[in-house]
Structures are given as structure tokens and as C-alpha cells.
Amino acid sequence: MSSLSSFTKPAPYHLLSYGTLLGSTLFQSFISGVIAFRVLPRPQFSVLQSHIFPIYFLLQTTLPIFLTLSYPHPSGPLTLLDTPSRLPAALIGTMFTTALLNWVWIGPATTSCMKERKHQETRDGKKSYDKGPQSTEMERLNRRFATLHGMSSLLNLGTIVACVWYGFVLGEAL
């Protein structure tokens, strides 16, 4: 039976932070984002995602900090870098870095590109995703958006891989 003393130990906070990170990442990447894309018209989907992603990437960036601060050590209060294996630190660092890049650089650049495409749609009188020839400027913006979206997806995949791998590393320690 657990006691109130478990509230003062780092392990429960570590597990809760990890579970939140893994669960929210998998849910946003493979469930809610996919459903929203399927059921919402493209303009509403874009607005929804442009409001969700900053919060999502912020959560993905801050939770690895909590993982680092709450890393449980059987021998007492040590830092994550004091562990015999550097793998946990490398995985948590990967989660942090990939999410941070999405939060401060790729995400805002993608949103900015989406806004530019919206303005170009008004100038062209045609949606960015309509069939047929597009203006030269819209073709450029579509390529830029595809590149940024691809980079964001790869970074998110890096977060997922590091997070799942860390789950196995964590599981070995239990």
C-alpha cells in the first residue's frame, strides 16, 4: 500500500510526466489530428491546428524538463547525467530538442506560410489545394509549406521514437 511519503519522491512524478508526454504525443499524432483532418473542412482544420500546435509543442518541450528533474535514482539525489548509461539523458535530450525546434522555429514558420498561402488564395481567386495550374507564387508557397510540414513531421517522429525507446529503458529499470 502506498503512503503519503510517495508524494515527496521523484519516481511518481517521473512516471506521470512520461505517461503524459507519450500519451499526448501519440494521441495528437495518430488520433485527434487524423480525425480532425477527415471531418473538418480544410480551412477550419488549419485554424484548429494552428491553435493546437503551439500548446502541443510547448507541452512536448516542457515535459522532458520534468523528466530530467524527476529522474529517480535508487542511491539518492543525483542528476540524470550521473547515471552509468548516457542513454536516458540522450533520449530525453532528443525529445526536448525535437519539440523545441518545432515550438520555436518550424511551427511558427509553418503557420506563417499558411497565412501567406491564404492571402495568395485571395489574390489568385483560387484555393492552394485546387486542381489545375497555380500561380508561380502559390506553387512556391505550396513547396515551402510541404517542406516545413515535412520537417515538423520528421521532428515529431523523432520525439515519438525517443519517447517509446525511453519507455523501454525505463521499463528495464523497474
N, C-alpha and C. Protein backbone atom coordinates (compact mmCIF):
# COMPACT_ATOMS: atom_id res chain seq x y z
N MET A 1 0.85 -1.18 0.00
CA MET A 1 0.00 0.00 0.00
C MET A 1 0.89 1.24 0.00
N SER A 2 0.52 2.21 -0.80
CA SER A 2 1.33 3.41 -0.87
C SER A 2 1.03 4.33 0.31
N SER A 3 2.01 5.14 0.62
CA SER A 3 1.82 6.08 1.72
C SER A 3 1.95 7.50 1.17
N LEU A 4 1.68 8.45 2.02
CA LEU A 4 1.80 9.84 1.60
C LEU A 4 3.24 10.23 1.32
N SER A 5 4.19 9.43 1.79
CA SER A 5 5.59 9.75 1.54
C SER A 5 5.93 9.65 0.05
N SER A 6 5.12 8.90 -0.72
CA SER A 6 5.39 8.79 -2.16
C SER A 6 5.22 10.14 -2.87
N PHE A 7 4.49 11.07 -2.25
CA PHE A 7 4.33 12.41 -2.84
C PHE A 7 5.64 13.21 -2.80
N THR A 8 6.55 12.81 -1.95
CA THR A 8 7.83 13.53 -1.83
C THR A 8 8.95 12.88 -2.64
N LYS A 9 8.66 11.78 -3.29
CA LYS A 9 9.67 11.07 -4.08
C LYS A 9 9.51 11.43 -5.56
N PRO A 10 10.61 11.41 -6.31
CA PRO A 10 10.54 11.84 -7.72
C PRO A 10 9.91 10.80 -8.65
N ALA A 11 9.97 9.53 -8.32
CA ALA A 11 9.54 8.48 -9.25
C ALA A 11 8.10 8.64 -9.74
N PRO A 12 7.12 8.90 -8.86
CA PRO A 12 5.75 9.04 -9.38
C PRO A 12 5.61 10.22 -10.35
N TYR A 13 6.30 11.31 -10.07
CA TYR A 13 6.24 12.47 -10.95
C TYR A 13 6.90 12.17 -12.29
N HIS A 14 7.95 11.38 -12.23
CA HIS A 14 8.64 10.98 -13.45
C HIS A 14 7.70 10.13 -14.33
N LEU A 15 7.06 9.14 -13.71
CA LEU A 15 6.16 8.28 -14.48
C LEU A 15 4.97 9.06 -15.02
N LEU A 16 4.40 9.95 -14.23
CA LEU A 16 3.27 10.76 -14.70
C LEU A 16 3.69 11.69 -15.85
N SER A 17 4.86 12.27 -15.75
CA SER A 17 5.36 13.13 -16.82
C SER A 17 5.59 12.33 -18.09
N TYR A 18 6.19 11.17 -17.95
CA TYR A 18 6.45 10.32 -19.12
C TYR A 18 5.13 9.86 -19.75
N GLY A 19 4.20 9.42 -18.92
CA GLY A 19 2.91 8.97 -19.44
C GLY A 19 2.16 10.07 -20.17
N THR A 20 2.21 11.27 -19.62
CA THR A 20 1.56 12.41 -20.26
C THR A 20 2.22 12.73 -21.59
N LEU A 21 3.54 12.72 -21.62
CA LEU A 21 4.26 13.01 -22.86
C LEU A 21 3.96 11.96 -23.92
N LEU A 22 4.09 10.70 -23.58
CA LEU A 22 3.84 9.64 -24.56
C LEU A 22 2.39 9.65 -25.02
N GLY A 23 1.47 9.73 -24.07
CA GLY A 23 0.05 9.69 -24.41
C GLY A 23 -0.39 10.86 -25.27
N SER A 24 0.01 12.07 -24.89
CA SER A 24 -0.41 13.24 -25.66
C SER A 24 0.23 13.25 -27.05
N THR A 25 1.47 12.80 -27.14
CA THR A 25 2.15 12.76 -28.43
C THR A 25 1.49 11.76 -29.37
N LEU A 26 1.23 10.56 -28.87
CA LEU A 26 0.59 9.55 -29.70
C LEU A 26 -0.84 9.95 -30.06
N PHE A 27 -1.57 10.53 -29.10
CA PHE A 27 -2.95 10.92 -29.36
C PHE A 27 -3.02 12.02 -30.42
N GLN A 28 -2.20 13.05 -30.28
CA GLN A 28 -2.23 14.16 -31.25
C GLN A 28 -1.76 13.69 -32.62
N SER A 29 -0.72 12.86 -32.64
CA SER A 29 -0.13 12.45 -33.92
C SER A 29 -0.98 11.47 -34.70
N PHE A 30 -1.62 10.53 -34.00
CA PHE A 30 -2.27 9.44 -34.71
C PHE A 30 -3.78 9.36 -34.54
N ILE A 31 -4.35 10.14 -33.63
CA ILE A 31 -5.79 10.06 -33.43
C ILE A 31 -6.47 11.40 -33.70
N SER A 32 -6.25 12.39 -32.84
CA SER A 32 -7.02 13.63 -32.98
C SER A 32 -6.69 14.39 -34.26
N GLY A 33 -5.41 14.44 -34.62
CA GLY A 33 -5.05 15.14 -35.86
C GLY A 33 -5.64 14.47 -37.09
N VAL A 34 -5.62 13.15 -37.12
CA VAL A 34 -6.16 12.41 -38.26
C VAL A 34 -7.68 12.58 -38.34
N ILE A 35 -8.35 12.48 -37.20
CA ILE A 35 -9.81 12.65 -37.19
C ILE A 35 -10.18 14.06 -37.61
N ALA A 36 -9.49 15.06 -37.06
CA ALA A 36 -9.80 16.45 -37.42
C ALA A 36 -9.61 16.67 -38.92
N PHE A 37 -8.56 16.10 -39.49
CA PHE A 37 -8.31 16.26 -40.93
C PHE A 37 -9.44 15.64 -41.75
N ARG A 38 -9.96 14.51 -41.28
CA ARG A 38 -11.02 13.81 -42.02
C ARG A 38 -12.38 14.48 -41.91
N VAL A 39 -12.69 15.08 -40.78
CA VAL A 39 -14.06 15.57 -40.57
C VAL A 39 -14.22 17.09 -40.73
N LEU A 40 -13.15 17.84 -40.67
CA LEU A 40 -13.28 19.29 -40.78
C LEU A 40 -12.94 19.76 -42.19
N PRO A 41 -13.64 20.79 -42.66
CA PRO A 41 -13.20 21.40 -43.91
C PRO A 41 -11.78 21.95 -43.73
N ARG A 42 -11.02 21.96 -44.80
CA ARG A 42 -9.61 22.33 -44.71
C ARG A 42 -9.35 23.67 -44.02
N PRO A 43 -10.12 24.72 -44.30
CA PRO A 43 -9.85 25.99 -43.59
C PRO A 43 -10.02 25.88 -42.07
N GLN A 44 -11.06 25.19 -41.63
CA GLN A 44 -11.28 25.01 -40.19
C GLN A 44 -10.20 24.12 -39.57
N PHE A 45 -9.79 23.09 -40.31
CA PHE A 45 -8.72 22.22 -39.84
C PHE A 45 -7.43 23.03 -39.64
N SER A 46 -7.13 23.90 -40.58
CA SER A 46 -5.92 24.72 -40.48
C SER A 46 -5.98 25.65 -39.26
N VAL A 47 -7.14 26.25 -39.04
CA VAL A 47 -7.29 27.14 -37.89
C VAL A 47 -7.13 26.35 -36.59
N LEU A 48 -7.77 25.18 -36.52
CA LEU A 48 -7.66 24.34 -35.32
C LEU A 48 -6.21 23.96 -35.04
N GLN A 49 -5.53 23.46 -36.06
CA GLN A 49 -4.14 23.02 -35.87
C GLN A 49 -3.22 24.18 -35.51
N SER A 50 -3.46 25.35 -36.10
CA SER A 50 -2.60 26.49 -35.80
C SER A 50 -2.76 26.95 -34.35
N HIS A 51 -3.88 26.59 -33.71
CA HIS A 51 -4.08 26.91 -32.30
C HIS A 51 -3.63 25.78 -31.37
N ILE A 52 -3.72 24.55 -31.84
CA ILE A 52 -3.31 23.40 -31.02
C ILE A 52 -1.80 23.24 -30.98
N PHE A 53 -1.14 23.38 -32.13
CA PHE A 53 0.28 23.06 -32.19
C PHE A 53 1.18 23.86 -31.25
N PRO A 54 0.99 25.16 -31.07
CA PRO A 54 1.87 25.84 -30.12
C PRO A 54 1.77 25.26 -28.70
N ILE A 55 0.57 24.93 -28.27
CA ILE A 55 0.39 24.33 -26.94
C ILE A 55 0.96 22.92 -26.91
N TYR A 56 0.71 22.17 -27.95
CA TYR A 56 1.22 20.79 -28.06
C TYR A 56 2.75 20.78 -28.02
N PHE A 57 3.39 21.65 -28.82
CA PHE A 57 4.85 21.68 -28.84
C PHE A 57 5.41 22.22 -27.53
N LEU A 58 4.72 23.14 -26.89
CA LEU A 58 5.14 23.62 -25.56
C LEU A 58 5.10 22.47 -24.55
N LEU A 59 4.03 21.69 -24.57
CA LEU A 59 3.92 20.53 -23.68
C LEU A 59 5.03 19.53 -23.96
N GLN A 60 5.28 19.26 -25.25
CA GLN A 60 6.36 18.33 -25.61
C GLN A 60 7.73 18.86 -25.20
N THR A 61 7.88 20.16 -25.11
CA THR A 61 9.17 20.75 -24.73
C THR A 61 9.35 20.76 -23.22
N THR A 62 8.30 21.05 -22.48
CA THR A 62 8.44 21.17 -21.02
C THR A 62 8.45 19.82 -20.30
N LEU A 63 7.74 18.84 -20.81
CA LEU A 63 7.70 17.55 -20.11
C LEU A 63 9.07 16.87 -20.03
N PRO A 64 9.93 16.93 -21.05
CA PRO A 64 11.27 16.37 -20.87
C PRO A 64 12.07 17.08 -19.77
N ILE A 65 11.78 18.35 -19.53
CA ILE A 65 12.42 19.05 -18.41
C ILE A 65 11.98 18.41 -17.10
N PHE A 66 10.68 18.13 -16.97
CA PHE A 66 10.17 17.45 -15.77
C PHE A 66 10.77 16.05 -15.65
N LEU A 67 10.95 15.37 -16.78
CA LEU A 67 11.58 14.04 -16.74
C LEU A 67 12.99 14.13 -16.20
N THR A 68 13.71 15.15 -16.63
CA THR A 68 15.08 15.34 -16.16
C THR A 68 15.11 15.66 -14.67
N LEU A 69 14.25 16.56 -14.25
CA LEU A 69 14.23 16.99 -12.83
C LEU A 69 13.72 15.90 -11.89
N SER A 70 12.90 15.00 -12.40
CA SER A 70 12.31 13.97 -11.53
C SER A 70 12.93 12.60 -11.75
N TYR A 71 14.06 12.56 -12.44
CA TYR A 71 14.68 11.26 -12.72
C TYR A 71 14.98 10.53 -11.42
N PRO A 72 14.39 9.35 -11.23
CA PRO A 72 14.56 8.65 -9.95
C PRO A 72 15.89 7.89 -9.89
N HIS A 73 16.59 8.07 -8.79
CA HIS A 73 17.86 7.37 -8.57
C HIS A 73 17.74 6.56 -7.29
N PRO A 74 18.01 5.26 -7.36
CA PRO A 74 17.92 4.43 -6.16
C PRO A 74 18.90 4.85 -5.07
N SER A 75 20.02 5.44 -5.46
CA SER A 75 21.05 5.78 -4.47
C SER A 75 20.90 7.18 -3.90
N GLY A 76 19.88 7.91 -4.32
CA GLY A 76 19.70 9.24 -3.76
C GLY A 76 19.69 10.32 -4.81
N PRO A 77 19.77 11.57 -4.40
CA PRO A 77 19.64 12.68 -5.34
C PRO A 77 20.89 12.88 -6.20
N LEU A 78 20.82 12.40 -7.42
CA LEU A 78 21.87 12.61 -8.41
C LEU A 78 21.24 13.28 -9.62
N THR A 79 22.04 13.74 -10.52
CA THR A 79 21.49 14.29 -11.75
C THR A 79 21.37 13.18 -12.78
N LEU A 80 20.60 13.45 -13.80
CA LEU A 80 20.42 12.48 -14.87
C LEU A 80 21.75 12.12 -15.52
N LEU A 81 22.66 13.06 -15.58
CA LEU A 81 23.96 12.79 -16.22
C LEU A 81 24.88 11.96 -15.35
N ASP A 82 24.52 11.74 -14.07
CA ASP A 82 25.33 10.90 -13.20
C ASP A 82 25.03 9.42 -13.36
N THR A 83 24.07 9.06 -14.22
CA THR A 83 23.74 7.66 -14.40
C THR A 83 24.86 6.96 -15.17
N PRO A 84 25.05 5.66 -14.93
CA PRO A 84 26.12 4.93 -15.62
C PRO A 84 25.95 4.96 -17.15
N SER A 85 24.73 4.88 -17.61
CA SER A 85 24.47 4.93 -19.05
C SER A 85 24.02 6.34 -19.42
N ARG A 86 24.49 6.83 -20.54
CA ARG A 86 24.09 8.15 -21.02
C ARG A 86 22.82 8.07 -21.87
N LEU A 87 22.33 6.85 -22.11
CA LEU A 87 21.18 6.68 -22.99
C LEU A 87 19.93 7.42 -22.49
N PRO A 88 19.56 7.32 -21.20
CA PRO A 88 18.37 8.09 -20.77
C PRO A 88 18.51 9.59 -21.04
N ALA A 89 19.66 10.15 -20.74
CA ALA A 89 19.88 11.58 -20.98
C ALA A 89 19.81 11.89 -22.47
N ALA A 90 20.36 11.03 -23.31
CA ALA A 90 20.33 11.25 -24.75
C ALA A 90 18.90 11.20 -25.29
N LEU A 91 18.11 10.27 -24.80
CA LEU A 91 16.73 10.15 -25.26
C LEU A 91 15.89 11.34 -24.80
N ILE A 92 16.03 11.72 -23.54
CA ILE A 92 15.29 12.87 -23.04
C ILE A 92 15.75 14.14 -23.76
N GLY A 93 17.04 14.25 -24.00
CA GLY A 93 17.57 15.39 -24.75
C GLY A 93 17.01 15.45 -26.17
N THR A 94 16.87 14.29 -26.80
CA THR A 94 16.29 14.23 -28.14
C THR A 94 14.83 14.69 -28.12
N MET A 95 14.07 14.20 -27.13
CA MET A 95 12.67 14.62 -27.01
C MET A 95 12.58 16.14 -26.86
N PHE A 96 13.41 16.68 -25.98
CA PHE A 96 13.41 18.11 -25.73
C PHE A 96 13.78 18.91 -26.98
N THR A 97 14.85 18.50 -27.64
CA THR A 97 15.37 19.25 -28.79
C THR A 97 14.41 19.23 -29.97
N THR A 98 13.86 18.06 -30.29
CA THR A 98 12.94 17.98 -31.42
C THR A 98 11.69 18.80 -31.16
N ALA A 99 11.17 18.74 -29.95
CA ALA A 99 9.97 19.52 -29.61
C ALA A 99 10.28 21.02 -29.60
N LEU A 100 11.42 21.39 -29.05
CA LEU A 100 11.80 22.80 -29.01
C LEU A 100 11.92 23.39 -30.42
N LEU A 101 12.53 22.64 -31.32
CA LEU A 101 12.65 23.10 -32.71
C LEU A 101 11.28 23.31 -33.35
N ASN A 102 10.36 22.38 -33.07
CA ASN A 102 9.01 22.54 -33.60
C ASN A 102 8.29 23.72 -32.97
N TRP A 103 8.51 23.94 -31.69
CA TRP A 103 7.81 25.01 -30.96
C TRP A 103 8.30 26.40 -31.36
N VAL A 104 9.61 26.58 -31.44
CA VAL A 104 10.12 27.95 -31.66
C VAL A 104 10.47 28.27 -33.11
N TRP A 105 10.63 27.26 -33.97
CA TRP A 105 11.08 27.56 -35.32
C TRP A 105 10.13 27.01 -36.39
N ILE A 106 10.01 25.69 -36.49
CA ILE A 106 9.25 25.09 -37.59
C ILE A 106 7.75 25.39 -37.47
N GLY A 107 7.19 25.25 -36.28
CA GLY A 107 5.76 25.52 -36.10
C GLY A 107 5.38 26.94 -36.49
N PRO A 108 6.06 27.96 -35.94
CA PRO A 108 5.72 29.33 -36.34
C PRO A 108 5.95 29.59 -37.84
N ALA A 109 7.00 29.01 -38.40
CA ALA A 109 7.26 29.20 -39.83
C ALA A 109 6.15 28.57 -40.67
N THR A 110 5.67 27.42 -40.25
CA THR A 110 4.59 26.74 -40.97
C THR A 110 3.31 27.56 -40.89
N THR A 111 2.99 28.07 -39.71
CA THR A 111 1.79 28.90 -39.54
C THR A 111 1.90 30.16 -40.39
N SER A 112 3.05 30.77 -40.41
CA SER A 112 3.27 31.96 -41.23
C SER A 112 3.07 31.65 -42.72
N CYS A 113 3.57 30.52 -43.15
CA CYS A 113 3.41 30.11 -44.54
C CYS A 113 1.94 29.85 -44.86
N MET A 114 1.21 29.27 -43.92
CA MET A 114 -0.22 29.05 -44.12
C MET A 114 -0.95 30.38 -44.32
N LYS A 115 -0.58 31.37 -43.54
CA LYS A 115 -1.20 32.70 -43.66
C LYS A 115 -0.86 33.33 -45.00
N GLU A 116 0.39 33.17 -45.43
CA GLU A 116 0.78 33.70 -46.74
C GLU A 116 -0.01 33.02 -47.85
N ARG A 117 -0.21 31.71 -47.74
CA ARG A 117 -1.00 31.00 -48.75
C ARG A 117 -2.44 31.49 -48.77
N LYS A 118 -2.99 31.77 -47.59
CA LYS A 118 -4.36 32.28 -47.51
C LYS A 118 -4.47 33.62 -48.24
N HIS A 119 -3.50 34.51 -48.03
CA HIS A 119 -3.50 35.79 -48.73
C HIS A 119 -3.34 35.60 -50.23
N GLN A 120 -2.49 34.65 -50.61
CA GLN A 120 -2.28 34.38 -52.03
C GLN A 120 -3.55 33.80 -52.67
N GLU A 121 -4.28 33.01 -51.91
CA GLU A 121 -5.56 32.49 -52.41
C GLU A 121 -6.50 33.64 -52.77
N THR A 122 -6.53 34.66 -51.92
CA THR A 122 -7.37 35.83 -52.18
C THR A 122 -6.92 36.55 -53.44
N ARG A 123 -5.61 36.70 -53.60
CA ARG A 123 -5.08 37.37 -54.80
C ARG A 123 -5.36 36.54 -56.07
N ASP A 124 -5.21 35.22 -55.95
CA ASP A 124 -5.38 34.35 -57.12
C ASP A 124 -6.84 34.00 -57.40
N GLY A 125 -7.69 34.10 -56.36
CA GLY A 125 -9.09 33.67 -56.52
C GLY A 125 -9.21 32.17 -56.62
N LYS A 126 -8.27 31.47 -56.01
CA LYS A 126 -8.21 30.01 -56.11
C LYS A 126 -7.55 29.46 -54.85
N LYS A 127 -8.07 28.35 -54.32
CA LYS A 127 -7.50 27.73 -53.12
C LYS A 127 -6.13 27.11 -53.44
N SER A 128 -5.32 27.01 -52.42
CA SER A 128 -3.96 26.46 -52.59
C SER A 128 -3.99 24.99 -53.00
N TYR A 129 -5.08 24.32 -52.71
CA TYR A 129 -5.18 22.89 -52.97
C TYR A 129 -6.10 22.57 -54.16
N ASP A 130 -6.59 23.61 -54.86
CA ASP A 130 -7.44 23.38 -56.04
C ASP A 130 -6.64 22.73 -57.16
N LYS A 131 -7.34 21.91 -57.95
CA LYS A 131 -6.72 21.27 -59.11
C LYS A 131 -6.43 22.32 -60.18
N GLY A 132 -5.57 21.95 -61.08
CA GLY A 132 -5.26 22.85 -62.18
C GLY A 132 -4.04 23.69 -61.88
N PRO A 133 -3.66 24.48 -62.85
CA PRO A 133 -2.44 25.27 -62.65
C PRO A 133 -2.61 26.31 -61.55
N GLN A 134 -1.53 26.50 -60.81
CA GLN A 134 -1.48 27.51 -59.74
C GLN A 134 -0.54 28.62 -60.20
N SER A 135 -0.68 29.76 -59.55
CA SER A 135 0.25 30.86 -59.85
C SER A 135 1.65 30.45 -59.40
N THR A 136 2.63 31.11 -59.95
CA THR A 136 4.02 30.83 -59.58
C THR A 136 4.24 31.04 -58.10
N GLU A 137 3.65 32.10 -57.56
CA GLU A 137 3.80 32.38 -56.12
C GLU A 137 3.14 31.31 -55.27
N MET A 138 1.96 30.83 -55.70
CA MET A 138 1.28 29.77 -54.93
C MET A 138 2.07 28.47 -55.01
N GLU A 139 2.65 28.17 -56.15
CA GLU A 139 3.48 26.97 -56.25
C GLU A 139 4.66 27.06 -55.29
N ARG A 140 5.27 28.25 -55.21
CA ARG A 140 6.39 28.45 -54.29
C ARG A 140 5.93 28.27 -52.84
N LEU A 141 4.79 28.85 -52.49
CA LEU A 141 4.28 28.73 -51.13
C LEU A 141 3.89 27.29 -50.81
N ASN A 142 3.31 26.59 -51.77
CA ASN A 142 2.95 25.18 -51.55
C ASN A 142 4.19 24.32 -51.31
N ARG A 143 5.25 24.58 -52.08
CA ARG A 143 6.50 23.83 -51.86
C ARG A 143 7.08 24.14 -50.48
N ARG A 144 7.05 25.43 -50.11
CA ARG A 144 7.57 25.83 -48.80
C ARG A 144 6.76 25.19 -47.68
N PHE A 145 5.44 25.22 -47.81
CA PHE A 145 4.59 24.60 -46.79
C PHE A 145 4.87 23.10 -46.70
N ALA A 146 4.97 22.43 -47.83
CA ALA A 146 5.24 20.98 -47.83
C ALA A 146 6.58 20.68 -47.16
N THR A 147 7.58 21.51 -47.42
CA THR A 147 8.89 21.31 -46.79
C THR A 147 8.81 21.50 -45.29
N LEU A 148 8.18 22.59 -44.86
CA LEU A 148 8.06 22.86 -43.42
C LEU A 148 7.22 21.79 -42.72
N HIS A 149 6.12 21.40 -43.35
CA HIS A 149 5.27 20.36 -42.76
C HIS A 149 6.03 19.05 -42.65
N GLY A 150 6.80 18.73 -43.67
CA GLY A 150 7.61 17.51 -43.63
C GLY A 150 8.66 17.55 -42.53
N MET A 151 9.31 18.71 -42.38
CA MET A 151 10.32 18.86 -41.32
C MET A 151 9.66 18.71 -39.95
N SER A 152 8.51 19.31 -39.77
CA SER A 152 7.79 19.21 -38.50
C SER A 152 7.40 17.76 -38.21
N SER A 153 6.93 17.08 -39.24
CA SER A 153 6.54 15.67 -39.07
C SER A 153 7.74 14.80 -38.70
N LEU A 154 8.89 15.06 -39.34
CA LEU A 154 10.10 14.30 -39.00
C LEU A 154 10.56 14.57 -37.57
N LEU A 155 10.51 15.83 -37.16
CA LEU A 155 10.87 16.15 -35.78
C LEU A 155 9.90 15.48 -34.80
N ASN A 156 8.62 15.50 -35.12
CA ASN A 156 7.63 14.85 -34.26
C ASN A 156 7.88 13.34 -34.21
N LEU A 157 8.25 12.76 -35.33
CA LEU A 157 8.58 11.33 -35.36
C LEU A 157 9.81 11.06 -34.49
N GLY A 158 10.78 11.97 -34.52
CA GLY A 158 11.95 11.82 -33.64
C GLY A 158 11.55 11.83 -32.18
N THR A 159 10.60 12.70 -31.82
CA THR A 159 10.10 12.73 -30.45
C THR A 159 9.43 11.41 -30.10
N ILE A 160 8.61 10.89 -31.00
CA ILE A 160 7.90 9.63 -30.76
C ILE A 160 8.89 8.49 -30.57
N VAL A 161 9.86 8.38 -31.46
CA VAL A 161 10.84 7.29 -31.37
C VAL A 161 11.61 7.37 -30.05
N ALA A 162 12.10 8.57 -29.72
CA ALA A 162 12.85 8.73 -28.47
C ALA A 162 11.97 8.43 -27.26
N CYS A 163 10.72 8.83 -27.31
CA CYS A 163 9.81 8.62 -26.19
C CYS A 163 9.50 7.13 -25.99
N VAL A 164 9.22 6.43 -27.07
CA VAL A 164 8.94 4.99 -26.97
C VAL A 164 10.20 4.24 -26.52
N TRP A 165 11.34 4.58 -27.09
CA TRP A 165 12.60 3.95 -26.71
C TRP A 165 12.87 4.19 -25.22
N TYR A 166 12.62 5.42 -24.77
CA TYR A 166 12.82 5.73 -23.36
C TYR A 166 11.89 4.89 -22.48
N GLY A 167 10.69 4.60 -22.96
CA GLY A 167 9.78 3.73 -22.21
C GLY A 167 10.38 2.36 -21.98
N PHE A 168 11.08 1.83 -22.97
CA PHE A 168 11.73 0.53 -22.79
C PHE A 168 12.91 0.63 -21.82
N VAL A 169 13.67 1.73 -21.93
CA VAL A 169 14.77 1.95 -20.98
C VAL A 169 14.24 2.08 -19.56
N LEU A 170 13.17 2.83 -19.40
CA LEU A 170 12.54 3.00 -18.11
C LEU A 170 12.00 1.68 -17.58
N GLY A 171 11.37 0.91 -18.47
CA GLY A 171 10.83 -0.38 -18.08
C GLY A 171 11.90 -1.36 -17.60
N GLU A 172 13.08 -1.30 -18.16
CA GLU A 172 14.19 -2.16 -17.72
C GLU A 172 14.59 -1.85 -16.27
N ALA A 173 14.40 -0.60 -15.86
CA ALA A 173 14.81 -0.19 -14.52
C ALA A 173 13.79 -0.57 -13.44
N LEU A 174 12.60 -0.95 -13.85
CA LEU A 174 11.56 -1.29 -12.87
C LEU A 174 11.72 -2.68 -12.31
